[in-house]
Amino acid sequence: MVLALLVSGVVVVLVLLGLFVFGLRRRLIQRSGGTFDCSLRWDVPARTDSDAMNAAAAASAAGGPRVDAGEPSGKGWVYGVARYSGDRVEWFRVFSYAPRPRRLLERSAIEVIARRTPQGEEELALLSDAVVLACRHQGTRLELAMGEDALTGFLAWLEAAPPGQRVNVA
């Protein structure tokens, strides 16, 4: 009986310690300012119209439910916090203990392709007021999802590049 209570107590303390470290890490990231909530989907494949038609035909032939093949799925999104740091944005995963950013996005290498609202399953995977920004960074397609206010700040940060830097904002 005493051993069960001791083990239970240790488990509760470890869970509380883990939650405390999550909160402390988030606080340390936000301490320097310039942070915003930002979900990220890295290395997104570019879908062409023929890809969408092939996917729709395959779903129909398999007897599966009829789904709009051009509609993006909610898979691949990772919730995070982004922080402005000079000429780059540092992106941190929320559910991680790592003290360093997971991705570094250089301002001069970001090319904005398009913006859209979340569609289909994405509405469940992202925050309620999110806007999806399709980008290319050093040849890799990615999507960033952030609130309207954060999007305005992000686009202003991109456009505020020093003279002589190539900036492409859609």
C-alpha atoms as a PDB file:
ATOM      1  CA  MET A   1       0.000   0.000   0.000  1.00  0.00           C
ATOM      2  CA  VAL A   2       2.758   2.438   0.950  1.00  0.00           C
ATOM      3  CA  LEU A   3       4.704   1.548  -2.205  1.00  0.00           C
ATOM      4  CA  ALA A   4       1.640   2.231  -4.392  1.00  0.00           C
ATOM      5  CA  LEU A   5       1.149   5.638  -2.753  1.00  0.00           C
ATOM      6  CA  LEU A   6       4.837   6.455  -3.164  1.00  0.00           C
ATOM      7  CA  VAL A   7       4.825   5.493  -6.857  1.00  0.00           C
ATOM      8  CA  SER A   8       1.612   7.469  -7.423  1.00  0.00           C
ATOM      9  CA  GLY A   9       3.114  10.491  -5.701  1.00  0.00           C
ATOM     10  CA  VAL A  10       6.277  10.298  -7.802  1.00  0.00           C
ATOM     11  CA  VAL A  11       4.210  10.055 -11.006  1.00  0.00           C
ATOM     12  CA  VAL A  12       2.122  13.094 -10.022  1.00  0.00           C
ATOM     13  CA  VAL A  13       5.265  15.101  -9.191  1.00  0.00           C
ATOM     14  CA  LEU A  14       6.872  14.157 -12.521  1.00  0.00           C
ATOM     15  CA  VAL A  15       3.767  15.154 -14.485  1.00  0.00           C
ATOM     16  CA  LEU A  16       3.570  18.492 -12.667  1.00  0.00           C
ATOM     17  CA  LEU A  17       7.290  19.059 -13.227  1.00  0.00           C
ATOM     18  CA  GLY A  18       6.867  18.332 -16.949  1.00  0.00           C
ATOM     19  CA  LEU A  19       4.000  20.823 -17.214  1.00  0.00           C
ATOM     20  CA  PHE A  20       6.018  23.413 -15.310  1.00  0.00           C
ATOM     21  CA  VAL A  21       8.961  22.999 -17.709  1.00  0.00           C
ATOM     22  CA  PHE A  22       6.624  23.425 -20.725  1.00  0.00           C
ATOM     23  CA  GLY A  23       5.337  26.690 -19.254  1.00  0.00           C
ATOM     24  CA  LEU A  24       8.812  27.895 -18.298  1.00  0.00           C
ATOM     25  CA  ARG A  25      10.167  27.176 -21.791  1.00  0.00           C
ATOM     26  CA  ARG A  26       7.301  29.088 -23.423  1.00  0.00           C
ATOM     27  CA  ARG A  27       7.880  31.997 -21.042  1.00  0.00           C
ATOM     28  CA  LEU A  28      11.608  32.070 -21.860  1.00  0.00           C
ATOM     29  CA  ILE A  29      10.892  32.042 -25.600  1.00  0.00           C
ATOM     30  CA  GLN A  30       8.431  34.923 -25.252  1.00  0.00           C
ATOM     31  CA  ARG A  31      10.614  36.926 -22.847  1.00  0.00           C
ATOM     32  CA  SER A  32      12.493  38.786 -25.572  1.00  0.00           C
ATOM     33  CA  GLY A  33       9.238  39.765 -27.316  1.00  0.00           C
ATOM     34  CA  GLY A  34       8.241  39.566 -30.968  1.00  0.00           C
ATOM     35  CA  THR A  35       6.511  36.187 -30.693  1.00  0.00           C
ATOM     36  CA  PHE A  36       3.299  34.917 -32.244  1.00  0.00           C
ATOM     37  CA  ASP A  37       1.403  31.622 -32.456  1.00  0.00           C
ATOM     38  CA  CYS A  38       2.202  29.977 -35.774  1.00  0.00           C
ATOM     39  CA  SER A  39       1.444  26.473 -37.027  1.00  0.00           C
ATOM     40  CA  LEU A  40       3.810  25.074 -39.648  1.00  0.00           C
ATOM     41  CA  ARG A  41       3.540  22.435 -42.347  1.00  0.00           C
ATOM     42  CA  TRP A  42       6.978  21.727 -43.857  1.00  0.00           C
ATOM     43  CA  ASP A  43       7.800  20.318 -47.309  1.00  0.00           C
ATOM     44  CA  VAL A  44       4.266  20.500 -48.694  1.00  0.00           C
ATOM     45  CA  PRO A  45       3.943  18.806 -52.095  1.00  0.00           C
ATOM     46  CA  ALA A  46       2.645  21.030 -54.863  1.00  0.00           C
ATOM     47  CA  ARG A  47      -0.648  19.645 -56.164  1.00  0.00           C
ATOM     48  CA  THR A  48      -1.444  20.133 -59.801  1.00  0.00           C
ATOM     49  CA  ASP A  49      -4.897  19.904 -61.370  1.00  0.00           C
ATOM     50  CA  SER A  50      -4.037  16.480 -62.808  1.00  0.00           C
ATOM     51  CA  ASP A  51      -3.020  15.242 -59.329  1.00  0.00           C
ATOM     52  CA  ALA A  52      -6.363  16.396 -57.943  1.00  0.00           C
ATOM     53  CA  MET A  53      -8.267  14.664 -60.759  1.00  0.00           C
ATOM     54  CA  ASN A  54      -6.283  11.413 -60.302  1.00  0.00           C
ATOM     55  CA  ALA A  55      -6.953  11.426 -56.544  1.00  0.00           C
ATOM     56  CA  ALA A  56     -10.675  11.979 -57.104  1.00  0.00           C
ATOM     57  CA  ALA A  57     -10.812   9.165 -59.677  1.00  0.00           C
ATOM     58  CA  ALA A  58      -8.951   6.795 -57.326  1.00  0.00           C
ATOM     59  CA  ALA A  59     -11.311   7.579 -54.438  1.00  0.00           C
ATOM     60  CA  SER A  60     -14.322   7.043 -56.678  1.00  0.00           C
ATOM     61  CA  ALA A  61     -12.989   3.756 -58.081  1.00  0.00           C
ATOM     62  CA  ALA A  62     -12.188   2.451 -54.595  1.00  0.00           C
ATOM     63  CA  GLY A  63     -15.764   3.071 -53.537  1.00  0.00           C
ATOM     64  CA  GLY A  64     -14.613   5.543 -50.919  1.00  0.00           C
ATOM     65  CA  PRO A  65     -16.437   8.682 -49.934  1.00  0.00           C
ATOM     66  CA  ARG A  66     -16.488  11.442 -52.504  1.00  0.00           C
ATOM     67  CA  VAL A  67     -14.099  14.115 -51.289  1.00  0.00           C
ATOM     68  CA  ASP A  68     -12.981  17.259 -53.066  1.00  0.00           C
ATOM     69  CA  ALA A  69      -9.494  16.180 -54.149  1.00  0.00           C
ATOM     70  CA  GLY A  70      -8.282  19.765 -54.300  1.00  0.00           C
ATOM     71  CA  GLU A  71      -9.054  20.234 -50.621  1.00  0.00           C
ATOM     72  CA  PRO A  72      -5.956  20.095 -48.400  1.00  0.00           C
ATOM     73  CA  SER A  73      -5.875  17.601 -45.558  1.00  0.00           C
ATOM     74  CA  GLY A  74      -5.325  18.517 -41.943  1.00  0.00           C
ATOM     75  CA  LYS A  75      -2.262  16.271 -41.728  1.00  0.00           C
ATOM     76  CA  GLY A  76       1.237  17.551 -41.184  1.00  0.00           C
ATOM     77  CA  TRP A  77       0.423  20.677 -39.205  1.00  0.00           C
ATOM     78  CA  VAL A  78       2.577  21.252 -36.117  1.00  0.00           C
ATOM     79  CA  TYR A  79       1.542  23.871 -33.565  1.00  0.00           C
ATOM     80  CA  GLY A  80       4.308  26.257 -32.613  1.00  0.00           C
ATOM     81  CA  VAL A  81       5.509  29.678 -31.585  1.00  0.00           C
ATOM     82  CA  ALA A  82       7.514  31.893 -33.909  1.00  0.00           C
ATOM     83  CA  ARG A  83       9.863  34.664 -32.808  1.00  0.00           C
ATOM     84  CA  TYR A  84      11.385  37.494 -34.829  1.00  0.00           C
ATOM     85  CA  SER A  85      15.147  37.581 -34.456  1.00  0.00           C
ATOM     86  CA  GLY A  86      16.834  40.132 -36.721  1.00  0.00           C
ATOM     87  CA  ASP A  87      16.539  38.983 -40.334  1.00  0.00           C
ATOM     88  CA  ARG A  88      15.037  35.615 -39.524  1.00  0.00           C
ATOM     89  CA  VAL A  89      12.085  33.998 -37.842  1.00  0.00           C
ATOM     90  CA  GLU A  90      12.824  31.267 -35.314  1.00  0.00           C
ATOM     91  CA  TRP A  91      10.081  28.644 -35.091  1.00  0.00           C
ATOM     92  CA  PHE A  92       9.696  26.500 -31.954  1.00  0.00           C
ATOM     93  CA  ARG A  93       7.422  23.495 -31.491  1.00  0.00           C
ATOM     94  CA  VAL A  94       5.045  24.044 -28.584  1.00  0.00           C
ATOM     95  CA  PHE A  95       5.124  20.436 -27.360  1.00  0.00           C
ATOM     96  CA  SER A  96       8.870  20.055 -27.053  1.00  0.00           C
ATOM     97  CA  TYR A  97      11.507  20.556 -24.392  1.00  0.00           C
ATOM     98  CA  ALA A  98      14.163  21.655 -26.910  1.00  0.00           C
ATOM     99  CA  PRO A  99      15.620  25.082 -26.050  1.00  0.00           C
ATOM    100  CA  ARG A 100      16.591  25.784 -29.669  1.00  0.00           C
ATOM    101  CA  PRO A 101      14.259  26.583 -32.553  1.00  0.00           C
ATOM    102  CA  ARG A 102      13.199  23.703 -34.796  1.00  0.00           C
ATOM    103  CA  ARG A 103      13.252  25.845 -37.978  1.00  0.00           C
ATOM    104  CA  LEU A 104      14.998  29.064 -38.962  1.00  0.00           C
ATOM    105  CA  LEU A 105      13.387  31.057 -41.767  1.00  0.00           C
ATOM    106  CA  GLU A 106      15.663  33.691 -43.338  1.00  0.00           C
ATOM    107  CA  ARG A 107      13.820  36.806 -44.513  1.00  0.00           C
ATOM    108  CA  SER A 108      15.759  36.966 -47.796  1.00  0.00           C
ATOM    109  CA  ALA A 109      14.898  33.323 -48.621  1.00  0.00           C
ATOM    110  CA  ILE A 110      11.134  33.466 -47.937  1.00  0.00           C
ATOM    111  CA  GLU A 111       8.928  33.788 -50.995  1.00  0.00           C
ATOM    112  CA  VAL A 112       5.203  34.158 -50.359  1.00  0.00           C
ATOM    113  CA  ILE A 113       3.192  32.259 -52.972  1.00  0.00           C
ATOM    114  CA  ALA A 114      -0.415  32.640 -51.816  1.00  0.00           C
ATOM    115  CA  ARG A 115      -2.726  33.014 -48.854  1.00  0.00           C
ATOM    116  CA  ARG A 116      -5.983  31.229 -48.138  1.00  0.00           C
ATOM    117  CA  THR A 117      -8.365  30.261 -45.381  1.00  0.00           C
ATOM    118  CA  PRO A 118      -8.172  26.760 -43.866  1.00  0.00           C
ATOM    119  CA  GLN A 119     -10.260  24.231 -45.769  1.00  0.00           C
ATOM    120  CA  GLY A 120     -11.799  20.905 -44.830  1.00  0.00           C
ATOM    121  CA  GLU A 121      -9.910  19.051 -42.098  1.00  0.00           C
ATOM    122  CA  GLU A 122      -7.513  21.974 -41.686  1.00  0.00           C
ATOM    123  CA  GLU A 123     -10.236  23.879 -39.875  1.00  0.00           C
ATOM    124  CA  LEU A 124      -9.994  21.304 -37.082  1.00  0.00           C
ATOM    125  CA  ALA A 125      -6.186  21.148 -37.061  1.00  0.00           C
ATOM    126  CA  LEU A 126      -5.575  24.911 -36.851  1.00  0.00           C
ATOM    127  CA  LEU A 127      -6.597  27.729 -34.554  1.00  0.00           C
ATOM    128  CA  SER A 128     -10.039  29.179 -35.237  1.00  0.00           C
ATOM    129  CA  ASP A 129      -8.917  32.532 -36.702  1.00  0.00           C
ATOM    130  CA  ALA A 130      -5.970  31.174 -38.718  1.00  0.00           C
ATOM    131  CA  VAL A 131      -4.984  32.256 -42.215  1.00  0.00           C
ATOM    132  CA  VAL A 132      -2.737  29.901 -44.216  1.00  0.00           C
ATOM    133  CA  LEU A 133       0.241  31.442 -45.996  1.00  0.00           C
ATOM    134  CA  ALA A 134       1.850  29.248 -48.683  1.00  0.00           C
ATOM    135  CA  CYS A 135       5.567  30.016 -48.982  1.00  0.00           C
ATOM    136  CA  ARG A 136       8.780  28.772 -50.498  1.00  0.00           C
ATOM    137  CA  HIS A 137      11.971  28.855 -48.413  1.00  0.00           C
ATOM    138  CA  GLN A 138      15.238  27.886 -50.072  1.00  0.00           C
ATOM    139  CA  GLY A 139      13.405  25.661 -52.555  1.00  0.00           C
ATOM    140  CA  THR A 140      11.195  23.967 -49.927  1.00  0.00           C
ATOM    141  CA  ARG A 141       7.453  24.548 -49.982  1.00  0.00           C
ATOM    142  CA  LEU A 142       5.926  25.251 -46.594  1.00  0.00           C
ATOM    143  CA  GLU A 143       2.737  26.622 -45.140  1.00  0.00           C
ATOM    144  CA  LEU A 144       2.398  28.882 -42.133  1.00  0.00           C
ATOM    145  CA  ALA A 145      -0.916  29.321 -40.324  1.00  0.00           C
ATOM    146  CA  MET A 146      -1.351  32.314 -38.050  1.00  0.00           C
ATOM    147  CA  GLY A 147      -3.972  34.765 -36.884  1.00  0.00           C
ATOM    148  CA  GLU A 148      -4.904  37.823 -38.940  1.00  0.00           C
ATOM    149  CA  ASP A 149      -2.931  40.208 -36.692  1.00  0.00           C
ATOM    150  CA  ALA A 150       0.174  38.002 -36.787  1.00  0.00           C
ATOM    151  CA  LEU A 151      -0.153  37.743 -40.578  1.00  0.00           C
ATOM    152  CA  THR A 152      -0.212  41.518 -40.924  1.00  0.00           C
ATOM    153  CA  GLY A 153       2.911  41.785 -38.758  1.00  0.00           C
ATOM    154  CA  PHE A 154       4.681  38.967 -40.638  1.00  0.00           C
ATOM    155  CA  LEU A 155       4.016  40.517 -44.061  1.00  0.00           C
ATOM    156  CA  ALA A 156       5.121  43.932 -42.775  1.00  0.00           C
ATOM    157  CA  TRP A 157       8.325  42.347 -41.437  1.00  0.00           C
ATOM    158  CA  LEU A 158       8.966  40.742 -44.837  1.00  0.00           C
ATOM    159  CA  GLU A 159       8.392  44.013 -46.692  1.00  0.00           C
ATOM    160  CA  ALA A 160      10.627  45.919 -44.267  1.00  0.00           C
ATOM    161  CA  ALA A 161      13.732  44.189 -45.584  1.00  0.00           C
ATOM    162  CA  PRO A 162      16.856  46.345 -45.926  1.00  0.00           C
ATOM    163  CA  PRO A 163      17.391  48.046 -49.299  1.00  0.00           C
ATOM    164  CA  GLY A 164      18.768  45.733 -51.956  1.00  0.00           C
ATOM    165  CA  GLN A 165      17.186  42.559 -50.581  1.00  0.00           C
ATOM    166  CA  ARG A 166      14.769  40.712 -52.841  1.00  0.00           C
ATOM    167  CA  VAL A 167      11.373  40.448 -51.196  1.00  0.00           C
ATOM    168  CA  ASN A 168       8.427  38.651 -52.785  1.00  0.00           C
ATOM    169  CA  VAL A 169       5.126  39.111 -50.985  1.00  0.00           C
ATOM    170  CA  ALA A 170       1.951  37.941 -52.753  1.00  0.00           C
END
